PDB file of N, CA and C in Angstrom:
ATOM      1  N   MET A   1       0.838  -1.170   0.000  1.00  0.00           N
ATOM      2  CA  MET A   1       0.000   0.000   0.000  1.00  0.00           C
ATOM      3  C   MET A   1       0.889   1.242   0.000  1.00  0.00           C
ATOM      4  N   ALA A   2       0.635   2.117  -0.935  1.00  0.00           N
ATOM      5  CA  ALA A   2       1.438   3.330  -1.060  1.00  0.00           C
ATOM      6  C   ALA A   2       0.962   4.354  -0.049  1.00  0.00           C
ATOM      7  N   SER A   3       1.914   4.962   0.606  1.00  0.00           N
ATOM      8  CA  SER A   3       1.529   5.984   1.572  1.00  0.00           C
ATOM      9  C   SER A   3       1.301   7.298   0.845  1.00  0.00           C
ATOM     10  N   THR A   4       0.283   7.973   1.265  1.00  0.00           N
ATOM     11  CA  THR A   4      -0.010   9.273   0.671  1.00  0.00           C
ATOM     12  C   THR A   4       0.414  10.342   1.659  1.00  0.00           C
ATOM     13  N   THR A   5       1.400  11.101   1.261  1.00  0.00           N
ATOM     14  CA  THR A   5       1.861  12.184   2.128  1.00  0.00           C
ATOM     15  C   THR A   5       1.551  13.509   1.464  1.00  0.00           C
ATOM     16  N   LYS A   6       1.258  14.465   2.268  1.00  0.00           N
ATOM     17  CA  LYS A   6       1.007  15.800   1.746  1.00  0.00           C
ATOM     18  C   LYS A   6       2.346  16.419   1.351  1.00  0.00           C
ATOM     19  N   PRO A   7       2.370  17.132   0.230  1.00  0.00           N
ATOM     20  CA  PRO A   7       3.622  17.801  -0.120  1.00  0.00           C
ATOM     21  C   PRO A   7       3.944  18.867   0.913  1.00  0.00           C
ATOM     22  N   SER A   8       5.221  19.012   1.185  1.00  0.00           N
ATOM     23  CA  SER A   8       5.618  19.997   2.200  1.00  0.00           C
ATOM     24  C   SER A   8       5.376  21.405   1.667  1.00  0.00           C
ATOM     25  N   ASN A   9       5.097  22.280   2.569  1.00  0.00           N
ATOM     26  CA  ASN A   9       4.883  23.679   2.203  1.00  0.00           C
ATOM     27  C   ASN A   9       6.208  24.288   1.771  1.00  0.00           C
ATOM     28  N   PRO A  10       6.196  25.137   0.727  1.00  0.00           N
ATOM     29  CA  PRO A  10       7.452  25.767   0.315  1.00  0.00           C
ATOM     30  C   PRO A  10       7.939  26.739   1.376  1.00  0.00           C
ATOM     31  N   ILE A  11       9.234  26.898   1.430  1.00  0.00           N
ATOM     32  CA  ILE A  11       9.826  27.841   2.381  1.00  0.00           C
ATOM     33  C   ILE A  11       9.677  29.242   1.802  1.00  0.00           C
ATOM     34  N   MET A  12       9.025  30.092   2.530  1.00  0.00           N
ATOM     35  CA  MET A  12       8.804  31.453   2.081  1.00  0.00           C
ATOM     36  C   MET A  12       9.814  32.372   2.761  1.00  0.00           C
ATOM     37  N   ILE A  13      10.601  33.071   1.949  1.00  0.00           N
ATOM     38  CA  ILE A  13      11.575  34.027   2.480  1.00  0.00           C
ATOM     39  C   ILE A  13      10.980  35.418   2.335  1.00  0.00           C
ATOM     40  N   PRO A  14      10.863  36.171   3.415  1.00  0.00           N
ATOM     41  CA  PRO A  14      10.341  37.535   3.293  1.00  0.00           C
ATOM     42  C   PRO A  14      11.250  38.373   2.414  1.00  0.00           C
ATOM     43  N   PHE A  15      10.647  39.238   1.626  1.00  0.00           N
ATOM     44  CA  PHE A  15      11.390  40.064   0.673  1.00  0.00           C
ATOM     45  C   PHE A  15      12.424  40.932   1.387  1.00  0.00           C
ATOM     46  N   LYS A  16      12.097  41.404   2.580  1.00  0.00           N
ATOM     47  CA  LYS A  16      13.026  42.278   3.299  1.00  0.00           C
ATOM     48  C   LYS A  16      14.267  41.537   3.786  1.00  0.00           C
ATOM     49  N   ASP A  17      14.219  40.196   3.842  1.00  0.00           N
ATOM     50  CA  ASP A  17      15.365  39.420   4.304  1.00  0.00           C
ATOM     51  C   ASP A  17      16.363  39.111   3.195  1.00  0.00           C
ATOM     52  N   LEU A  18      16.006  39.371   1.929  1.00  0.00           N
ATOM     53  CA  LEU A  18      16.937  39.145   0.834  1.00  0.00           C
ATOM     54  C   LEU A  18      18.001  40.230   0.834  1.00  0.00           C
ATOM     55  N   LYS A  19      19.188  39.884   0.435  1.00  0.00           N
ATOM     56  CA  LYS A  19      20.298  40.832   0.474  1.00  0.00           C
ATOM     57  C   LYS A  19      20.775  41.159  -0.937  1.00  0.00           C
ATOM     58  N   SER A  20      21.212  42.391  -1.142  1.00  0.00           N
ATOM     59  CA  SER A  20      21.736  42.847  -2.418  1.00  0.00           C
ATOM     60  C   SER A  20      23.116  43.444  -2.205  1.00  0.00           C
ATOM     61  N   PRO A  21      24.100  43.049  -3.020  1.00  0.00           N
ATOM     62  CA  PRO A  21      25.442  43.604  -2.822  1.00  0.00           C
ATOM     63  C   PRO A  21      25.546  45.082  -3.206  1.00  0.00           C
ATOM     64  N   GLU A  22      24.602  45.599  -4.040  1.00  0.00           N
ATOM     65  CA  GLU A  22      24.697  46.979  -4.492  1.00  0.00           C
ATOM     66  C   GLU A  22      24.226  47.995  -3.463  1.00  0.00           C
ATOM     67  N   SER A  23      23.397  47.596  -2.541  1.00  0.00           N
ATOM     68  CA  SER A  23      22.851  48.570  -1.598  1.00  0.00           C
ATOM     69  C   SER A  23      23.761  48.682  -0.371  1.00  0.00           C
ATOM     70  N   PRO A  24      23.797  49.861   0.252  1.00  0.00           N
ATOM     71  CA  PRO A  24      24.700  50.069   1.395  1.00  0.00           C
ATOM     72  C   PRO A  24      24.406  49.146   2.572  1.00  0.00           C
ATOM     73  N   ASP A  25      23.122  48.944   2.885  1.00  0.00           N
ATOM     74  CA  ASP A  25      22.835  48.082   4.031  1.00  0.00           C
ATOM     75  C   ASP A  25      22.505  46.654   3.621  1.00  0.00           C
ATOM     76  N   GLY A  26      22.565  46.357   2.320  1.00  0.00           N
ATOM     77  CA  GLY A  26      22.395  44.985   1.855  1.00  0.00           C
ATOM     78  C   GLY A  26      20.975  44.577   1.539  1.00  0.00           C
ATOM     79  N   THR A  27      19.981  45.424   1.770  1.00  0.00           N
ATOM     80  CA  THR A  27      18.603  45.026   1.480  1.00  0.00           C
ATOM     81  C   THR A  27      18.225  45.412   0.060  1.00  0.00           C
ATOM     82  N   ILE A  28      17.301  44.634  -0.509  1.00  0.00           N
ATOM     83  CA  ILE A  28      16.881  44.844  -1.899  1.00  0.00           C
ATOM     84  C   ILE A  28      15.786  45.894  -2.010  1.00  0.00           C
ATOM     85  N   ASP A  29      14.906  45.977  -1.044  1.00  0.00           N
ATOM     86  CA  ASP A  29      13.685  46.759  -1.194  1.00  0.00           C
ATOM     87  C   ASP A  29      13.854  48.247  -0.904  1.00  0.00           C
ATOM     88  N   GLN A  30      14.982  48.818  -1.248  1.00  0.00           N
ATOM     89  CA  GLN A  30      15.160  50.247  -1.079  1.00  0.00           C
ATOM     90  C   GLN A  30      14.477  51.006  -2.203  1.00  0.00           C
ATOM     91  N   PRO A  31      13.822  52.120  -1.905  1.00  0.00           N
ATOM     92  CA  PRO A  31      13.264  52.919  -2.989  1.00  0.00           C
ATOM     93  C   PRO A  31      14.397  53.535  -3.814  1.00  0.00           C
ATOM     94  N   GLY A  32      14.270  53.469  -5.130  1.00  0.00           N
ATOM     95  CA  GLY A  32      15.276  54.023  -6.013  1.00  0.00           C
ATOM     96  C   GLY A  32      16.506  53.145  -6.164  1.00  0.00           C
ATOM     97  N   GLY A  33      16.466  51.902  -5.700  1.00  0.00           N
ATOM     98  CA  GLY A  33      17.605  51.012  -5.809  1.00  0.00           C
ATOM     99  C   GLY A  33      17.771  50.470  -7.222  1.00  0.00           C
ATOM    100  N   ARG A  34      18.843  49.738  -7.426  1.00  0.00           N
ATOM    101  CA  ARG A  34      19.163  49.175  -8.749  1.00  0.00           C
ATOM    102  C   ARG A  34      18.075  48.205  -9.216  1.00  0.00           C
ATOM    103  N   LEU A  35      17.527  47.410  -8.310  1.00  0.00           N
ATOM    104  CA  LEU A  35      16.474  46.461  -8.678  1.00  0.00           C
ATOM    105  C   LEU A  35      15.242  47.183  -9.207  1.00  0.00           C
ATOM    106  N   ASN A  36      14.884  48.290  -8.585  1.00  0.00           N
ATOM    107  CA  ASN A  36      13.729  49.066  -9.044  1.00  0.00           C
ATOM    108  C   ASN A  36      13.992  49.694 -10.404  1.00  0.00           C
ATOM    109  N   GLN A  37      15.236  50.120 -10.657  1.00  0.00           N
ATOM    110  CA  GLN A  37      15.577  50.703 -11.956  1.00  0.00           C
ATOM    111  C   GLN A  37      15.455  49.673 -13.068  1.00  0.00           C
ATOM    112  N   VAL A  38      15.928  48.467 -12.817  1.00  0.00           N
ATOM    113  CA  VAL A  38      15.836  47.399 -13.827  1.00  0.00           C
ATOM    114  C   VAL A  38      14.383  47.032 -14.077  1.00  0.00           C
ATOM    115  N   ARG A  39      13.610  46.916 -12.994  1.00  0.00           N
ATOM    116  CA  ARG A  39      12.192  46.567 -13.155  1.00  0.00           C
ATOM    117  C   ARG A  39      11.455  47.647 -13.936  1.00  0.00           C
ATOM    118  N   ARG A  40      11.776  48.906 -13.680  1.00  0.00           N
ATOM    119  CA  ARG A  40      11.134  50.008 -14.390  1.00  0.00           C
ATOM    120  C   ARG A  40      11.484  49.972 -15.879  1.00  0.00           C
ATOM    121  N   LYS A  41      12.737  49.659 -16.193  1.00  0.00           N
ATOM    122  CA  LYS A  41      13.131  49.555 -17.601  1.00  0.00           C
ATOM    123  C   LYS A  41      12.381  48.436 -18.296  1.00  0.00           C
ATOM    124  N   VAL A  42      12.256  47.291 -17.622  1.00  0.00           N
ATOM    125  CA  VAL A  42      11.518  46.168 -18.200  1.00  0.00           C
ATOM    126  C   VAL A  42      10.065  46.553 -18.412  1.00  0.00           C
ATOM    127  N   ASP A  43       9.471  47.201 -17.423  1.00  0.00           N
ATOM    128  CA  ASP A  43       8.063  47.583 -17.524  1.00  0.00           C
ATOM    129  C   ASP A  43       7.808  48.566 -18.651  1.00  0.00           C
ATOM    130  N   TRP A  44       8.686  49.533 -18.850  1.00  0.00           N
ATOM    131  CA  TRP A  44       8.437  50.602 -19.809  1.00  0.00           C
ATOM    132  C   TRP A  44       9.008  50.362 -21.198  1.00  0.00           C
ATOM    133  N   ILE A  45       9.960  49.458 -21.346  1.00  0.00           N
ATOM    134  CA  ILE A  45      10.575  49.226 -22.657  1.00  0.00           C
ATOM    135  C   ILE A  45      10.227  47.847 -23.204  1.00  0.00           C
ATOM    136  N   LEU A  46      10.511  46.815 -22.440  1.00  0.00           N
ATOM    137  CA  LEU A  46      10.368  45.453 -22.951  1.00  0.00           C
ATOM    138  C   LEU A  46       8.916  45.022 -23.102  1.00  0.00           C
ATOM    139  N   LEU A  47       8.093  45.304 -22.125  1.00  0.00           N
ATOM    140  CA  LEU A  47       6.702  44.859 -22.193  1.00  0.00           C
ATOM    141  C   LEU A  47       5.913  45.498 -23.339  1.00  0.00           C
ATOM    142  N   PRO A  48       6.011  46.813 -23.590  1.00  0.00           N
ATOM    143  CA  PRO A  48       5.324  47.374 -24.761  1.00  0.00           C
ATOM    144  C   PRO A  48       5.865  46.813 -26.082  1.00  0.00           C
ATOM    145  N   LEU A  49       7.165  46.557 -26.138  1.00  0.00           N
ATOM    146  CA  LEU A  49       7.741  45.973 -27.343  1.00  0.00           C
ATOM    147  C   LEU A  49       7.191  44.575 -27.592  1.00  0.00           C
ATOM    148  N   LEU A  50       7.084  43.768 -26.558  1.00  0.00           N
ATOM    149  CA  LEU A  50       6.500  42.435 -26.695  1.00  0.00           C
ATOM    150  C   LEU A  50       5.025  42.522 -27.098  1.00  0.00           C
ATOM    151  N   GLY A  51       4.307  43.442 -26.500  1.00  0.00           N
ATOM    152  CA  GLY A  51       2.901  43.625 -26.871  1.00  0.00           C
ATOM    153  C   GLY A  51       2.748  44.009 -28.327  1.00  0.00           C
ATOM    154  N   PHE A  52       3.606  44.888 -28.818  1.00  0.00           N
ATOM    155  CA  PHE A  52       3.573  45.286 -30.221  1.00  0.00           C
ATOM    156  C   PHE A  52       3.861  44.099 -31.135  1.00  0.00           C
ATOM    157  N   CYS A  53       4.816  43.267 -30.773  1.00  0.00           N
ATOM    158  CA  CYS A  53       5.131  42.073 -31.581  1.00  0.00           C
ATOM    159  C   CYS A  53       3.955  41.107 -31.614  1.00  0.00           C
ATOM    160  N   TYR A  54       3.274  40.925 -30.487  1.00  0.00           N
ATOM    161  CA  TYR A  54       2.124  40.033 -30.468  1.00  0.00           C
ATOM    162  C   TYR A  54       0.958  40.594 -31.282  1.00  0.00           C
ATOM    163  N   ILE A  55       0.799  41.909 -31.301  1.00  0.00           N
ATOM    164  CA  ILE A  55      -0.235  42.521 -32.141  1.00  0.00           C
ATOM    165  C   ILE A  55       0.084  42.282 -33.617  1.00  0.00           C
ATOM    166  N   LEU A  56       1.359  42.448 -33.998  1.00  0.00           N
ATOM    167  CA  LEU A  56       1.755  42.160 -35.384  1.00  0.00           C
ATOM    168  C   LEU A  56       1.503  40.697 -35.755  1.00  0.00           C
ATOM    169  N   GLN A  57       1.788  39.815 -34.830  1.00  0.00           N
ATOM    170  CA  GLN A  57       1.556  38.390 -35.060  1.00  0.00           C
ATOM    171  C   GLN A  57       0.069  38.125 -35.284  1.00  0.00           C
ATOM    172  N   PHE A  58      -0.788  38.710 -34.482  1.00  0.00           N
ATOM    173  CA  PHE A  58      -2.226  38.543 -34.631  1.00  0.00           C
ATOM    174  C   PHE A  58      -2.710  39.110 -35.962  1.00  0.00           C
ATOM    175  N   LEU A  59      -2.239  40.313 -36.313  1.00  0.00           N
ATOM    176  CA  LEU A  59      -2.652  40.926 -37.579  1.00  0.00           C
ATOM    177  C   LEU A  59      -2.206  40.106 -38.780  1.00  0.00           C
ATOM    178  N   ASP A  60      -1.015  39.529 -38.698  1.00  0.00           N
ATOM    179  CA  ASP A  60      -0.515  38.703 -39.788  1.00  0.00           C
ATOM    180  C   ASP A  60      -1.412  37.489 -40.004  1.00  0.00           C
ATOM    181  N   LYS A  61      -1.764  36.814 -38.926  1.00  0.00           N
ATOM    182  CA  LYS A  61      -2.625  35.629 -39.048  1.00  0.00           C
ATOM    183  C   LYS A  61      -4.011  36.006 -39.578  1.00  0.00           C
ATOM    184  N   GLN A  62      -4.571  37.100 -39.081  1.00  0.00           N
ATOM    185  CA  GLN A  62      -5.890  37.519 -39.541  1.00  0.00           C
ATOM    186  C   GLN A  62      -5.865  37.902 -41.018  1.00  0.00           C
ATOM    187  N   THR A  63      -4.843  38.629 -41.439  1.00  0.00           N
ATOM    188  CA  THR A  63      -4.751  39.063 -42.832  1.00  0.00           C
ATOM    189  C   THR A  63      -4.619  37.872 -43.771  1.00  0.00           C
ATOM    190  N   LEU A  64      -3.793  36.905 -43.398  1.00  0.00           N
ATOM    191  CA  LEU A  64      -3.638  35.719 -44.243  1.00  0.00           C
ATOM    192  C   LEU A  64      -4.930  34.907 -44.323  1.00  0.00           C
ATOM    193  N   SER A  65      -5.653  34.845 -43.234  1.00  0.00           N
ATOM    194  CA  SER A  65      -6.917  34.096 -43.243  1.00  0.00           C
ATOM    195  C   SER A  65      -7.931  34.756 -44.179  1.00  0.00           C
ATOM    196  N   TYR A  66      -8.074  36.072 -44.068  1.00  0.00           N
ATOM    197  CA  TYR A  66      -9.008  36.782 -44.940  1.00  0.00           C
ATOM    198  C   TYR A  66      -8.557  36.736 -46.396  1.00  0.00           C
ATOM    199  N   ALA A  67      -7.254  36.830 -46.628  1.00  0.00           N
ATOM    200  CA  ALA A  67      -6.750  36.789 -48.001  1.00  0.00           C
ATOM    201  C   ALA A  67      -7.010  35.433 -48.639  1.00  0.00           C
ATOM    202  N   SER A  68      -6.893  34.368 -47.873  1.00  0.00           N
ATOM    203  CA  SER A  68      -7.163  33.043 -48.447  1.00  0.00           C
ATOM    204  C   SER A  68      -8.651  32.887 -48.777  1.00  0.00           C
ATOM    205  N   LEU A  69      -9.514  33.487 -47.965  1.00  0.00           N
ATOM    206  CA  LEU A  69     -10.949  33.423 -48.258  1.00  0.00           C
ATOM    207  C   LEU A  69     -11.325  34.259 -49.476  1.00  0.00           C
ATOM    208  N   LEU A  70     -10.583  35.323 -49.717  1.00  0.00           N
ATOM    209  CA  LEU A  70     -10.903  36.223 -50.821  1.00  0.00           C
ATOM    210  C   LEU A  70     -10.190  35.861 -52.122  1.00  0.00           C
ATOM    211  N   GLY A  71      -9.528  34.722 -52.176  1.00  0.00           N
ATOM    212  CA  GLY A  71      -8.983  34.235 -53.432  1.00  0.00           C
ATOM    213  C   GLY A  71      -7.483  34.320 -53.599  1.00  0.00           C
ATOM    214  N   MET A  72      -6.739  34.482 -52.538  1.00  0.00           N
ATOM    215  CA  MET A  72      -5.291  34.557 -52.664  1.00  0.00           C
ATOM    216  C   MET A  72      -4.701  33.241 -53.182  1.00  0.00           C
ATOM    217  N   LEU A  73      -5.277  32.131 -52.781  1.00  0.00           N
ATOM    218  CA  LEU A  73      -4.749  30.833 -53.218  1.00  0.00           C
ATOM    219  C   LEU A  73      -4.854  30.670 -54.727  1.00  0.00           C
ATOM    220  N   GLN A  74      -5.978  31.068 -55.282  1.00  0.00           N
ATOM    221  CA  GLN A  74      -6.167  30.932 -56.729  1.00  0.00           C
ATOM    222  C   GLN A  74      -5.353  31.981 -57.499  1.00  0.00           C
ATOM    223  N   ASP A  75      -5.315  33.213 -56.989  1.00  0.00           N
ATOM    224  CA  ASP A  75      -4.604  34.287 -57.682  1.00  0.00           C
ATOM    225  C   ASP A  75      -3.100  34.023 -57.767  1.00  0.00           C
ATOM    226  N   ASN A  76      -2.541  33.427 -56.752  1.00  0.00           N
ATOM    227  CA  ASN A  76      -1.100  33.182 -56.715  1.00  0.00           C
ATOM    228  C   ASN A  76      -0.727  31.747 -57.046  1.00  0.00           C
ATOM    229  N   ASN A  77      -1.683  30.949 -57.460  1.00  0.00           N
ATOM    230  CA  ASN A  77      -1.471  29.543 -57.813  1.00  0.00           C
ATOM    231  C   ASN A  77      -0.789  28.766 -56.684  1.00  0.00           C
ATOM    232  N   LEU A  78      -1.267  28.969 -55.467  1.00  0.00           N
ATOM    233  CA  LEU A  78      -0.732  28.246 -54.324  1.00  0.00           C
ATOM    234  C   LEU A  78      -1.462  26.912 -54.201  1.00  0.00           C
ATOM    235  N   HIS A  79      -0.704  25.850 -54.033  1.00  0.00           N
ATOM    236  CA  HIS A  79      -1.317  24.545 -53.850  1.00  0.00           C
ATOM    237  C   HIS A  79      -0.482  23.737 -52.858  1.00  0.00           C
ATOM    238  N   GLY A  80      -1.110  22.743 -52.272  1.00  0.00           N
ATOM    239  CA  GLY A  80      -0.408  21.901 -51.304  1.00  0.00           C
ATOM    240  C   GLY A  80      -0.017  22.678 -50.059  1.00  0.00           C
ATOM    241  N   SER A  81       1.235  22.556 -49.686  1.00  0.00           N
ATOM    242  CA  SER A  81       1.704  23.193 -48.450  1.00  0.00           C
ATOM    243  C   SER A  81       2.284  24.586 -48.689  1.00  0.00           C
ATOM    244  N   GLN A  82       2.132  25.126 -49.881  1.00  0.00           N
ATOM    245  CA  GLN A  82       2.695  26.447 -50.166  1.00  0.00           C
ATOM    246  C   GLN A  82       2.047  27.540 -49.312  1.00  0.00           C
ATOM    247  N   PHE A  83       0.743  27.407 -49.051  1.00  0.00           N
ATOM    248  CA  PHE A  83       0.084  28.397 -48.192  1.00  0.00           C
ATOM    249  C   PHE A  83       0.645  28.328 -46.766  1.00  0.00           C
ATOM    250  N   SER A  84       0.938  27.132 -46.284  1.00  0.00           N
ATOM    251  CA  SER A  84       1.510  26.988 -44.944  1.00  0.00           C
ATOM    252  C   SER A  84       2.880  27.654 -44.864  1.00  0.00           C
ATOM    253  N   TRP A  85       3.687  27.507 -45.909  1.00  0.00           N
ATOM    254  CA  TRP A  85       4.993  28.163 -45.929  1.00  0.00           C
ATOM    255  C   TRP A  85       4.831  29.677 -45.990  1.00  0.00           C
ATOM    256  N   THR A  86       3.830  30.132 -46.723  1.00  0.00           N
ATOM    257  CA  THR A  86       3.559  31.568 -46.787  1.00  0.00           C
ATOM    258  C   THR A  86       3.216  32.104 -45.397  1.00  0.00           C
ATOM    259  N   ALA A  87       2.427  31.346 -44.656  1.00  0.00           N
ATOM    260  CA  ALA A  87       2.051  31.762 -43.309  1.00  0.00           C
ATOM    261  C   ALA A  87       3.234  31.679 -42.347  1.00  0.00           C
ATOM    262  N   SER A  88       4.212  30.833 -42.618  1.00  0.00           N
ATOM    263  CA  SER A  88       5.352  30.645 -41.713  1.00  0.00           C
ATOM    264  C   SER A  88       6.462  31.661 -41.907  1.00  0.00           C
ATOM    265  N   ILE A  89       6.493  32.352 -43.034  1.00  0.00           N
ATOM    266  CA  ILE A  89       7.578  33.283 -43.324  1.00  0.00           C
ATOM    267  C   ILE A  89       7.701  34.344 -42.232  1.00  0.00           C
ATOM    268  N   PHE A  90       6.570  34.875 -41.788  1.00  0.00           N
ATOM    269  CA  PHE A  90       6.597  35.890 -40.736  1.00  0.00           C
ATOM    270  C   PHE A  90       7.244  35.346 -39.469  1.00  0.00           C
ATOM    271  N   TYR A  91       6.936  34.119 -39.101  1.00  0.00           N
ATOM    272  CA  TYR A  91       7.429  33.552 -37.854  1.00  0.00           C
ATOM    273  C   TYR A  91       8.914  33.214 -37.910  1.00  0.00           C
ATOM    274  N   PHE A  92       9.443  32.915 -39.088  1.00  0.00           N
ATOM    275  CA  PHE A  92      10.890  32.706 -39.205  1.00  0.00           C
ATOM    276  C   PHE A  92      11.622  34.015 -38.895  1.00  0.00           C
ATOM    277  N   GLY A  93      11.172  35.100 -39.493  1.00  0.00           N
ATOM    278  CA  GLY A  93      11.771  36.403 -39.204  1.00  0.00           C
ATOM    279  C   GLY A  93      11.574  36.816 -37.757  1.00  0.00           C
ATOM    280  N   TYR A  94      10.418  36.508 -37.210  1.00  0.00           N
ATOM    281  CA  TYR A  94      10.110  36.833 -35.823  1.00  0.00           C
ATOM    282  C   TYR A  94      11.060  36.090 -34.880  1.00  0.00           C
ATOM    283  N   ALA A  95      11.292  34.795 -35.144  1.00  0.00           N
ATOM    284  CA  ALA A  95      12.172  33.995 -34.295  1.00  0.00           C
ATOM    285  C   ALA A  95      13.619  34.461 -34.394  1.00  0.00           C
ATOM    286  N   ILE A  96      14.059  34.836 -35.589  1.00  0.00           N
ATOM    287  CA  ILE A  96      15.445  35.293 -35.769  1.00  0.00           C
ATOM    288  C   ILE A  96      15.649  36.634 -35.070  1.00  0.00           C
ATOM    289  N   CYS A  97      14.718  37.554 -35.231  1.00  0.00           N
ATOM    290  CA  CYS A  97      14.865  38.877 -34.612  1.00  0.00           C
ATOM    291  C   CYS A  97      14.669  38.826 -33.099  1.00  0.00           C
ATOM    292  N   GLU A  98      13.950  37.825 -32.611  1.00  0.00           N
ATOM    293  CA  GLU A  98      13.720  37.708 -31.178  1.00  0.00           C
ATOM    294  C   GLU A  98      15.015  37.377 -30.448  1.00  0.00           C
ATOM    295  N   LEU A  99      15.902  36.635 -31.106  1.00  0.00           N
ATOM    296  CA  LEU A  99      17.176  36.293 -30.463  1.00  0.00           C
ATOM    297  C   LEU A  99      18.018  37.523 -30.268  1.00  0.00           C
TER     298      LEU A  99
END
């Protein structure tokens, strides 16, 4: 018979107990500290950039879907998996530029 044990509770470290080598007294949660500057940069630069990329990704998929319904396959003589490759071109560039 297998014993059923409850998983142990994770150890929670209070944020004020973490130490940072950059601050004079070693605590991380100082106002205006290096950690806050990095977080602010991520919030104001990286997150809007990611949101913009996801909007472009959505628009690309929607445009290709509507174009295929309106006759893009016949106009460009696409057959077989050629439409799939057409849809993938954006994502190849997206993956390369993301690195």
